């Protein structure tokens, strides 16, 4: 009897879906399209057994091409709610492979709010499975740390940090309390220098530092480690920094000190928010 009741309810839900949602998700009014996508995101989360499959997910995928930014935004926030729950990841694999390229392209959306949420969604995708995003996909997000729009840059900074800086070698756990060039931050500082030089935007160190300031403050304020990398002799088997790498490290270090002292983004990067004085 329970099974019969459940089947009856599912048939009703299916009839409502086909009778209402399938017609209204393409409504002429953008607000109605947005409500449809927001709701289907809630249904997928609440009743994943019935709704979290490709028959329903495809509607969210298709709507990511909507002409109105508010509708595209609802697609991304609905998907974030799903990717955030690691138990649902296996059900999203086919959707990810099919629509990943569209999500990556949305990081360059003409509407900044949409671009920010696209980057945040890719950060969740990255955490669910590292293999999904190719090196090219990641590079498309990396260069946004130099964006003039701060929310986009900060979201990209978090993505960059999760991809390149948050992994730690188990052997390093034993040296967590060491300082200077023997601290675990030494390799991360070098990674930051290498990334900065490979970006080939050498006059924009302040932008890179500002993008990562919120998620990597401890690393960016480890001036003792930066000093020792510049002043002390390399450890056994360690490659010394080249002159070019040292110059880049000094530039990054100066930008971190300025950021800590002045507490505001570099010139040319807007947030739309008023910032306190020094």
Foldseek 3Di string as FASTA:
>chain_A
DVVVVVVVVLVVVVCCCVVPLVVQCPDPDLVSVQVSLLVLLVCCLVPVVNRLAPVNLVSLLVQCPPPDPSNVLSSLVSLQSQLVDLVNVVRCVVVCLVRVVSLLVQLPPPDNSSVLSSLLSVLSVCVSDVVSADPVSLVSLLLQLLPLEQSSNLSSLVSCCSVPPPDDDPVLVVVCVPAACSHSLVVVLLVVLVVQVVSVPLVRLLSNCSSNCVPPVVSLPRVRNLVNLQPPDDDPPDDRDDPSSNVSSVVNNVSSVCCVVAVDGDPSRDHPDDDDGD
